[in-house]
């Protein structure tokens, strides 16, 4: 998706939907390293929705973040990972 198209907001809405309607507990992973505010925004959304959050730093590579989120999900038996990326 393009800049400002709502990818981060949609990730939060999708997590809420999966939790409420399908009784799943997804993991939101912040892999948008190009917009540091997206990391905080996703953390806030995860807290509001009540789902797990995998943080990141803007100096990390998106692929490394996704791999770390996958490992964290396996440790916690999470079935669904929603990766919020910059869309590039």
PDB file of N, CA and C in Angstrom:
ATOM      1  N   UNK A   1       0.810  -1.184   0.000  1.00  0.00           N
ATOM      2  CA  UNK A   1       0.000   0.000   0.000  1.00  0.00           C
ATOM      3  C   UNK A   1       0.859   1.255   0.000  1.00  0.00           C
ATOM      4  N   UNK A   2       0.293   2.309  -0.447  1.00  0.00           N
ATOM      5  CA  UNK A   2       0.975   3.593  -0.507  1.00  0.00           C
ATOM      6  C   UNK A   2       1.017   4.258   0.855  1.00  0.00           C
ATOM      7  N   UNK A   3       1.826   5.317   0.943  1.00  0.00           N
ATOM      8  CA  UNK A   3       1.905   6.097   2.182  1.00  0.00           C
ATOM      9  C   UNK A   3       0.519   6.631   2.529  1.00  0.00           C
ATOM     10  N   UNK A   4       0.145   6.511   3.786  1.00  0.00           N
ATOM     11  CA  UNK A   4      -1.119   7.083   4.244  1.00  0.00           C
ATOM     12  C   UNK A   4      -2.360   6.339   3.810  1.00  0.00           C
ATOM     13  N   UNK A   5      -2.209   5.089   3.376  1.00  0.00           N
ATOM     14  CA  UNK A   5      -3.389   4.343   2.921  1.00  0.00           C
ATOM     15  C   UNK A   5      -4.068   3.565   4.044  1.00  0.00           C
ATOM     16  N   UNK A   6      -3.513   3.602   5.259  1.00  0.00           N
ATOM     17  CA  UNK A   6      -4.182   2.982   6.401  1.00  0.00           C
ATOM     18  C   UNK A   6      -3.734   1.573   6.736  1.00  0.00           C
ATOM     19  N   UNK A   7      -2.528   1.196   6.351  1.00  0.00           N
ATOM     20  CA  UNK A   7      -2.051  -0.164   6.613  1.00  0.00           C
ATOM     21  C   UNK A   7      -1.944  -0.469   8.107  1.00  0.00           C
ATOM     22  N   UNK A   8      -1.407   0.464   8.872  1.00  0.00           N
ATOM     23  CA  UNK A   8      -1.242   0.242  10.313  1.00  0.00           C
ATOM     24  C   UNK A   8      -2.600   0.179  10.999  1.00  0.00           C
ATOM     25  N   UNK A   9      -3.485   1.089  10.650  1.00  0.00           N
ATOM     26  CA  UNK A   9      -4.827   1.088  11.228  1.00  0.00           C
ATOM     27  C   UNK A   9      -5.561  -0.194  10.856  1.00  0.00           C
ATOM     28  N   UNK A  10      -5.436  -0.622   9.605  1.00  0.00           N
ATOM     29  CA  UNK A  10      -6.090  -1.853   9.178  1.00  0.00           C
ATOM     30  C   UNK A  10      -5.545  -3.059   9.938  1.00  0.00           C
ATOM     31  N   UNK A  11      -4.246  -3.084  10.197  1.00  0.00           N
ATOM     32  CA  UNK A  11      -3.658  -4.192  10.954  1.00  0.00           C
ATOM     33  C   UNK A  11      -4.319  -4.303  12.324  1.00  0.00           C
ATOM     34  N   UNK A  12      -4.526  -3.164  12.986  1.00  0.00           N
ATOM     35  CA  UNK A  12      -5.207  -3.158  14.285  1.00  0.00           C
ATOM     36  C   UNK A  12      -6.650  -3.617  14.180  1.00  0.00           C
ATOM     37  N   UNK A  13      -7.343  -3.165  13.139  1.00  0.00           N
ATOM     38  CA  UNK A  13      -8.745  -3.562  12.945  1.00  0.00           C
ATOM     39  C   UNK A  13      -8.854  -5.052  12.644  1.00  0.00           C
ATOM     40  N   UNK A  14      -7.925  -5.561  11.847  1.00  0.00           N
ATOM     41  CA  UNK A  14      -7.923  -6.991  11.532  1.00  0.00           C
ATOM     42  C   UNK A  14      -7.666  -7.817  12.790  1.00  0.00           C
ATOM     43  N   UNK A  15      -6.741  -7.366  13.620  1.00  0.00           N
ATOM     44  CA  UNK A  15      -6.461  -8.070  14.876  1.00  0.00           C
ATOM     45  C   UNK A  15      -7.704  -8.099  15.772  1.00  0.00           C
ATOM     46  N   UNK A  16      -8.384  -6.960  15.873  1.00  0.00           N
ATOM     47  CA  UNK A  16      -9.609  -6.910  16.681  1.00  0.00           C
ATOM     48  C   UNK A  16     -10.670  -7.855  16.131  1.00  0.00           C
ATOM     49  N   UNK A  17     -10.848  -7.856  14.828  1.00  0.00           N
ATOM     50  CA  UNK A  17     -11.821  -8.738  14.190  1.00  0.00           C
ATOM     51  C   UNK A  17     -11.504 -10.206  14.477  1.00  0.00           C
ATOM     52  N   UNK A  18     -10.253 -10.587  14.298  1.00  0.00           N
ATOM     53  CA  UNK A  18      -9.868 -11.977  14.532  1.00  0.00           C
ATOM     54  C   UNK A  18     -10.077 -12.377  15.989  1.00  0.00           C
ATOM     55  N   UNK A  19      -9.802 -11.465  16.897  1.00  0.00           N
ATOM     56  CA  UNK A  19      -9.978 -11.754  18.322  1.00  0.00           C
ATOM     57  C   UNK A  19     -11.462 -11.870  18.688  1.00  0.00           C
ATOM     58  N   UNK A  20     -12.261 -10.925  18.231  1.00  0.00           N
ATOM     59  CA  UNK A  20     -13.677 -10.898  18.612  1.00  0.00           C
ATOM     60  C   UNK A  20     -14.511 -11.950  17.878  1.00  0.00           C
ATOM     61  N   UNK A  21     -14.330 -12.036  16.578  1.00  0.00           N
ATOM     62  CA  UNK A  21     -15.204 -12.887  15.768  1.00  0.00           C
ATOM     63  C   UNK A  21     -14.733 -14.332  15.637  1.00  0.00           C
ATOM     64  N   UNK A  22     -13.430 -14.555  15.737  1.00  0.00           N
ATOM     65  CA  UNK A  22     -12.893 -15.887  15.505  1.00  0.00           C
ATOM     66  C   UNK A  22     -12.148 -16.456  16.709  1.00  0.00           C
ATOM     67  N   UNK A  23     -12.181 -15.709  17.817  1.00  0.00           N
ATOM     68  CA  UNK A  23     -11.560 -16.170  19.068  1.00  0.00           C
ATOM     69  C   UNK A  23     -10.087 -16.544  18.882  1.00  0.00           C
ATOM     70  N   UNK A  24      -9.373 -15.754  18.110  1.00  0.00           N
ATOM     71  CA  UNK A  24      -7.941 -15.938  17.895  1.00  0.00           C
ATOM     72  C   UNK A  24      -7.197 -14.831  18.624  1.00  0.00           C
ATOM     73  N   UNK A  25      -5.923 -15.050  18.882  1.00  0.00           N
ATOM     74  CA  UNK A  25      -5.104 -14.028  19.521  1.00  0.00           C
ATOM     75  C   UNK A  25      -3.896 -13.756  18.629  1.00  0.00           C
ATOM     76  N   UNK A  26      -4.053 -12.881  17.645  1.00  0.00           N
ATOM     77  CA  UNK A  26      -2.945 -12.617  16.730  1.00  0.00           C
ATOM     78  C   UNK A  26      -1.829 -11.819  17.382  1.00  0.00           C
ATOM     79  N   UNK A  27      -0.683 -11.856  16.746  1.00  0.00           N
ATOM     80  CA  UNK A  27       0.479 -11.087  17.154  1.00  0.00           C
ATOM     81  C   UNK A  27       0.665  -9.978  16.127  1.00  0.00           C
ATOM     82  N   UNK A  28       0.701  -8.745  16.572  1.00  0.00           N
ATOM     83  CA  UNK A  28       0.980  -7.618  15.690  1.00  0.00           C
ATOM     84  C   UNK A  28       2.476  -7.352  15.716  1.00  0.00           C
ATOM     85  N   UNK A  29       3.105  -7.372  14.545  1.00  0.00           N
ATOM     86  CA  UNK A  29       4.546  -7.157  14.440  1.00  0.00           C
ATOM     87  C   UNK A  29       4.811  -5.849  13.699  1.00  0.00           C
ATOM     88  N   UNK A  30       5.591  -4.979  14.311  1.00  0.00           N
ATOM     89  CA  UNK A  30       5.893  -3.663  13.748  1.00  0.00           C
ATOM     90  C   UNK A  30       7.120  -3.747  12.855  1.00  0.00           C
ATOM     91  N   UNK A  31       6.903  -3.856  11.545  1.00  0.00           N
ATOM     92  CA  UNK A  31       8.015  -3.963  10.598  1.00  0.00           C
ATOM     93  C   UNK A  31       8.106  -2.753   9.673  1.00  0.00           C
ATOM     94  N   UNK A  32       7.415  -1.674  10.005  1.00  0.00           N
ATOM     95  CA  UNK A  32       7.509  -0.428   9.234  1.00  0.00           C
ATOM     96  C   UNK A  32       8.618   0.416   9.845  1.00  0.00           C
ATOM     97  N   UNK A  33       9.845   0.199   9.370  1.00  0.00           N
ATOM     98  CA  UNK A  33      10.999   0.900   9.939  1.00  0.00           C
ATOM     99  C   UNK A  33      11.215   2.269   9.306  1.00  0.00           C
ATOM    100  N   UNK A  34      10.452   2.579   8.278  1.00  0.00           N
ATOM    101  CA  UNK A  34      10.605   3.863   7.601  1.00  0.00           C
ATOM    102  C   UNK A  34       9.793   4.968   8.272  1.00  0.00           C
ATOM    103  N   UNK A  35       8.832   4.570   9.092  1.00  0.00           N
ATOM    104  CA  UNK A  35       8.006   5.542   9.807  1.00  0.00           C
ATOM    105  C   UNK A  35       7.995   5.145  11.283  1.00  0.00           C
ATOM    106  N   UNK A  36       8.954   5.656  12.068  1.00  0.00           N
ATOM    107  CA  UNK A  36       9.061   5.258  13.479  1.00  0.00           C
ATOM    108  C   UNK A  36       7.765   5.445  14.272  1.00  0.00           C
ATOM    109  N   UNK A  37       6.958   6.411  13.911  1.00  0.00           N
ATOM    110  CA  UNK A  37       5.688   6.605  14.620  1.00  0.00           C
ATOM    111  C   UNK A  37       4.750   5.422  14.412  1.00  0.00           C
ATOM    112  N   UNK A  38       4.947   4.666  13.333  1.00  0.00           N
ATOM    113  CA  UNK A  38       4.108   3.492  13.079  1.00  0.00           C
ATOM    114  C   UNK A  38       4.321   2.432  14.140  1.00  0.00           C
ATOM    115  N   UNK A  39       5.543   2.332  14.648  1.00  0.00           N
ATOM    116  CA  UNK A  39       5.838   1.346  15.688  1.00  0.00           C
ATOM    117  C   UNK A  39       5.038   1.664  16.943  1.00  0.00           C
ATOM    118  N   UNK A  40       5.056   2.928  17.352  1.00  0.00           N
ATOM    119  CA  UNK A  40       4.297   3.344  18.533  1.00  0.00           C
ATOM    120  C   UNK A  40       2.798   3.237  18.282  1.00  0.00           C
ATOM    121  N   UNK A  41       2.365   3.608  17.084  1.00  0.00           N
ATOM    122  CA  UNK A  41       0.941   3.513  16.738  1.00  0.00           C
ATOM    123  C   UNK A  41       0.460   2.076  16.829  1.00  0.00           C
ATOM    124  N   UNK A  42       1.252   1.136  16.320  1.00  0.00           N
ATOM    125  CA  UNK A  42       0.854  -0.267  16.366  1.00  0.00           C
ATOM    126  C   UNK A  42       0.859  -0.793  17.800  1.00  0.00           C
ATOM    127  N   UNK A  43       1.811  -0.344  18.610  1.00  0.00           N
ATOM    128  CA  UNK A  43       1.839  -0.735  20.024  1.00  0.00           C
ATOM    129  C   UNK A  43       0.575  -0.268  20.732  1.00  0.00           C
ATOM    130  N   UNK A  44       0.174   0.954  20.449  1.00  0.00           N
ATOM    131  CA  UNK A  44      -1.046   1.502  21.054  1.00  0.00           C
ATOM    132  C   UNK A  44      -2.274   0.721  20.593  1.00  0.00           C
ATOM    133  N   UNK A  45      -2.345   0.422  19.308  1.00  0.00           N
ATOM    134  CA  UNK A  45      -3.480  -0.350  18.791  1.00  0.00           C
ATOM    135  C   UNK A  45      -3.534  -1.743  19.404  1.00  0.00           C
ATOM    136  N   UNK A  46      -2.373  -2.388  19.536  1.00  0.00           N
ATOM    137  CA  UNK A  46      -2.332  -3.730  20.131  1.00  0.00           C
ATOM    138  C   UNK A  46      -2.833  -3.696  21.565  1.00  0.00           C
ATOM    139  N   UNK A  47      -2.453  -2.667  22.298  1.00  0.00           N
ATOM    140  CA  UNK A  47      -2.916  -2.535  23.683  1.00  0.00           C
ATOM    141  C   UNK A  47      -4.424  -2.292  23.739  1.00  0.00           C
ATOM    142  N   UNK A  48      -4.918  -1.417  22.868  1.00  0.00           N
ATOM    143  CA  UNK A  48      -6.359  -1.127  22.842  1.00  0.00           C
ATOM    144  C   UNK A  48      -7.176  -2.366  22.500  1.00  0.00           C
ATOM    145  N   UNK A  49      -6.678  -3.157  21.555  1.00  0.00           N
ATOM    146  CA  UNK A  49      -7.396  -4.342  21.094  1.00  0.00           C
ATOM    147  C   UNK A  49      -7.187  -5.520  22.038  1.00  0.00           C
ATOM    148  N   UNK A  50      -6.072  -5.511  22.762  1.00  0.00           N
ATOM    149  CA  UNK A  50      -5.782  -6.590  23.703  1.00  0.00           C
ATOM    150  C   UNK A  50      -5.111  -7.786  23.063  1.00  0.00           C
ATOM    151  N   UNK A  51      -4.204  -7.513  22.113  1.00  0.00           N
ATOM    152  CA  UNK A  51      -3.465  -8.605  21.475  1.00  0.00           C
ATOM    153  C   UNK A  51      -1.974  -8.417  21.724  1.00  0.00           C
ATOM    154  N   UNK A  52      -1.211  -9.462  21.441  1.00  0.00           N
ATOM    155  CA  UNK A  52       0.232  -9.409  21.628  1.00  0.00           C
ATOM    156  C   UNK A  52       0.880  -8.486  20.596  1.00  0.00           C
ATOM    157  N   UNK A  53       2.018  -7.907  20.985  1.00  0.00           N
ATOM    158  CA  UNK A  53       2.731  -6.971  20.130  1.00  0.00           C
ATOM    159  C   UNK A  53       4.202  -7.339  20.098  1.00  0.00           C
ATOM    160  N   UNK A  54       4.765  -7.374  18.899  1.00  0.00           N
ATOM    161  CA  UNK A  54       6.206  -7.610  18.745  1.00  0.00           C
ATOM    162  C   UNK A  54       6.842  -6.293  18.329  1.00  0.00           C
ATOM    163  N   UNK A  55       7.627  -5.673  19.215  1.00  0.00           N
ATOM    164  CA  UNK A  55       8.218  -4.368  18.916  1.00  0.00           C
ATOM    165  C   UNK A  55       9.426  -4.482  17.991  1.00  0.00           C
ATOM    166  N   UNK A  56       9.868  -3.341  17.538  1.00  0.00           N
ATOM    167  CA  UNK A  56      11.063  -3.291  16.706  1.00  0.00           C
ATOM    168  C   UNK A  56      11.728  -1.932  16.866  1.00  0.00           C
ATOM    169  N   UNK A  57      12.881  -1.801  16.239  1.00  0.00           N
ATOM    170  CA  UNK A  57      13.624  -0.547  16.214  1.00  0.00           C
ATOM    171  C   UNK A  57      13.732  -0.098  14.770  1.00  0.00           C
ATOM    172  N   UNK A  58      13.805   1.196  14.552  1.00  0.00           N
ATOM    173  CA  UNK A  58      13.887   1.691  13.186  1.00  0.00           C
ATOM    174  C   UNK A  58      15.213   1.348  12.512  1.00  0.00           C
ATOM    175  N   UNK A  59      16.197   0.862  13.267  1.00  0.00           N
ATOM    176  CA  UNK A  59      17.479   0.485  12.657  1.00  0.00           C
ATOM    177  C   UNK A  59      17.524  -0.991  12.260  1.00  0.00           C
ATOM    178  N   UNK A  60      16.453  -1.738  12.514  1.00  0.00           N
ATOM    179  CA  UNK A  60      16.389  -3.142  12.142  1.00  0.00           C
ATOM    180  C   UNK A  60      15.905  -3.297  10.704  1.00  0.00           C
ATOM    181  N   UNK A  61      16.222  -4.414  10.105  1.00  0.00           N
ATOM    182  CA  UNK A  61      15.732  -4.749   8.768  1.00  0.00           C
ATOM    183  C   UNK A  61      14.350  -5.394   8.906  1.00  0.00           C
ATOM    184  N   UNK A  62      13.410  -5.044   8.025  1.00  0.00           N
ATOM    185  CA  UNK A  62      12.065  -5.618   8.115  1.00  0.00           C
ATOM    186  C   UNK A  62      12.049  -7.143   8.121  1.00  0.00           C
ATOM    187  N   UNK A  63      12.879  -7.779   7.303  1.00  0.00           N
ATOM    188  CA  UNK A  63      12.906  -9.239   7.272  1.00  0.00           C
ATOM    189  C   UNK A  63      13.329  -9.817   8.615  1.00  0.00           C
ATOM    190  N   UNK A  64      14.302  -9.204   9.261  1.00  0.00           N
ATOM    191  CA  UNK A  64      14.744  -9.670  10.580  1.00  0.00           C
ATOM    192  C   UNK A  64      13.627  -9.533  11.609  1.00  0.00           C
ATOM    193  N   UNK A  65      12.871  -8.450  11.518  1.00  0.00           N
ATOM    194  CA  UNK A  65      11.747  -8.242  12.447  1.00  0.00           C
ATOM    195  C   UNK A  65      10.709  -9.342  12.263  1.00  0.00           C
ATOM    196  N   UNK A  66      10.385  -9.642  11.020  1.00  0.00           N
ATOM    197  CA  UNK A  66       9.389 -10.672  10.730  1.00  0.00           C
ATOM    198  C   UNK A  66       9.871 -12.041  11.218  1.00  0.00           C
ATOM    199  N   UNK A  67      11.155 -12.337  11.003  1.00  0.00           N
ATOM    200  CA  UNK A  67      11.700 -13.613  11.479  1.00  0.00           C
ATOM    201  C   UNK A  67      11.650 -13.703  13.000  1.00  0.00           C
ATOM    202  N   UNK A  68      11.957 -12.604  13.692  1.00  0.00           N
ATOM    203  CA  UNK A  68      11.893 -12.580  15.154  1.00  0.00           C
ATOM    204  C   UNK A  68      10.444 -12.737  15.629  1.00  0.00           C
ATOM    205  N   UNK A  69       9.517 -12.108  14.932  1.00  0.00           N
ATOM    206  CA  UNK A  69       8.094 -12.222  15.290  1.00  0.00           C
ATOM    207  C   UNK A  69       7.619 -13.656  15.113  1.00  0.00           C
ATOM    208  N   UNK A  70       8.071 -14.308  14.052  1.00  0.00           N
ATOM    209  CA  UNK A  70       7.711 -15.706  13.825  1.00  0.00           C
ATOM    210  C   UNK A  70       8.234 -16.594  14.951  1.00  0.00           C
ATOM    211  N   UNK A  71       9.467 -16.362  15.367  1.00  0.00           N
ATOM    212  CA  UNK A  71      10.036 -17.139  16.477  1.00  0.00           C
ATOM    213  C   UNK A  71       9.270 -16.882  17.773  1.00  0.00           C
ATOM    214  N   UNK A  72       8.907 -15.626  18.021  1.00  0.00           N
ATOM    215  CA  UNK A  72       8.129 -15.291  19.224  1.00  0.00           C
ATOM    216  C   UNK A  72       6.753 -15.947  19.176  1.00  0.00           C
ATOM    217  N   UNK A  73       6.146 -15.970  18.006  1.00  0.00           N
ATOM    218  CA  UNK A  73       4.823 -16.586  17.865  1.00  0.00           C
ATOM    219  C   UNK A  73       4.887 -18.085  18.128  1.00  0.00           C
ATOM    220  N   UNK A  74       5.942 -18.725  17.670  1.00  0.00           N
ATOM    221  CA  UNK A  74       6.097 -20.162  17.906  1.00  0.00           C
ATOM    222  C   UNK A  74       6.264 -20.460  19.390  1.00  0.00           C
ATOM    223  N   UNK A  75       7.001 -19.594  20.089  1.00  0.00           N
ATOM    224  CA  UNK A  75       7.202 -19.801  21.527  1.00  0.00           C
ATOM    225  C   UNK A  75       5.897 -19.639  22.310  1.00  0.00           C
ATOM    226  N   UNK A  76       5.028 -18.745  21.840  1.00  0.00           N
ATOM    227  CA  UNK A  76       3.793 -18.478  22.582  1.00  0.00           C
ATOM    228  C   UNK A  76       2.582 -19.178  21.973  1.00  0.00           C
ATOM    229  N   UNK A  77       2.794 -20.039  20.995  1.00  0.00           N
ATOM    230  CA  UNK A  77       1.745 -20.788  20.313  1.00  0.00           C
ATOM    231  C   UNK A  77       0.713 -19.844  19.689  1.00  0.00           C
ATOM    232  N   UNK A  78       1.184 -18.770  19.119  1.00  0.00           N
ATOM    233  CA  UNK A  78       0.321 -17.848  18.394  1.00  0.00           C
ATOM    234  C   UNK A  78       0.147 -18.371  16.981  1.00  0.00           C
ATOM    235  N   UNK A  79      -1.099 -18.403  16.508  1.00  0.00           N
ATOM    236  CA  UNK A  79      -1.382 -18.962  15.188  1.00  0.00           C
ATOM    237  C   UNK A  79      -1.307 -17.928  14.065  1.00  0.00           C
ATOM    238  N   UNK A  80      -1.494 -16.665  14.390  1.00  0.00           N
ATOM    239  CA  UNK A  80      -1.606 -15.628  13.366  1.00  0.00           C
ATOM    240  C   UNK A  80      -0.647 -14.487  13.681  1.00  0.00           C
ATOM    241  N   UNK A  81       0.118 -14.104  12.672  1.00  0.00           N
ATOM    242  CA  UNK A  81       0.991 -12.935  12.787  1.00  0.00           C
ATOM    243  C   UNK A  81       0.539 -11.924  11.750  1.00  0.00           C
ATOM    244  N   UNK A  82       0.325 -10.705  12.177  1.00  0.00           N
ATOM    245  CA  UNK A  82       0.002  -9.611  11.267  1.00  0.00           C
ATOM    246  C   UNK A  82       1.210  -8.702  11.238  1.00  0.00           C
ATOM    247  N   UNK A  83       1.910  -8.680  10.096  1.00  0.00           N
ATOM    248  CA  UNK A  83       3.097  -7.844   9.938  1.00  0.00           C
ATOM    249  C   UNK A  83       2.695  -6.518   9.329  1.00  0.00           C
ATOM    250  N   UNK A  84       2.961  -5.452  10.046  1.00  0.00           N
ATOM    251  CA  UNK A  84       2.708  -4.109   9.537  1.00  0.00           C
ATOM    252  C   UNK A  84       4.002  -3.604   8.907  1.00  0.00           C
ATOM    253  N   UNK A  85       4.011  -3.487   7.587  1.00  0.00           N
ATOM    254  CA  UNK A  85       5.204  -3.063   6.863  1.00  0.00           C
ATOM    255  C   UNK A  85       4.960  -1.691   6.224  1.00  0.00           C
ATOM    256  N   UNK A  86       6.006  -1.166   5.634  1.00  0.00           N
ATOM    257  CA  UNK A  86       5.905   0.118   4.936  1.00  0.00           C
ATOM    258  C   UNK A  86       5.259  -0.066   3.570  1.00  0.00           C
ATOM    259  N   UNK A  87       5.008  -1.288   3.163  1.00  0.00           N
ATOM    260  CA  UNK A  87       4.355  -1.551   1.888  1.00  0.00           C
ATOM    261  C   UNK A  87       5.295  -1.461   0.712  1.00  0.00           C
ATOM    262  N   UNK A  88       6.563  -1.614   0.971  1.00  0.00           N
ATOM    263  CA  UNK A  88       7.540  -1.534  -0.129  1.00  0.00           C
ATOM    264  C   UNK A  88       8.047  -2.919  -0.471  1.00  0.00           C
TER     265      UNK A  88
END
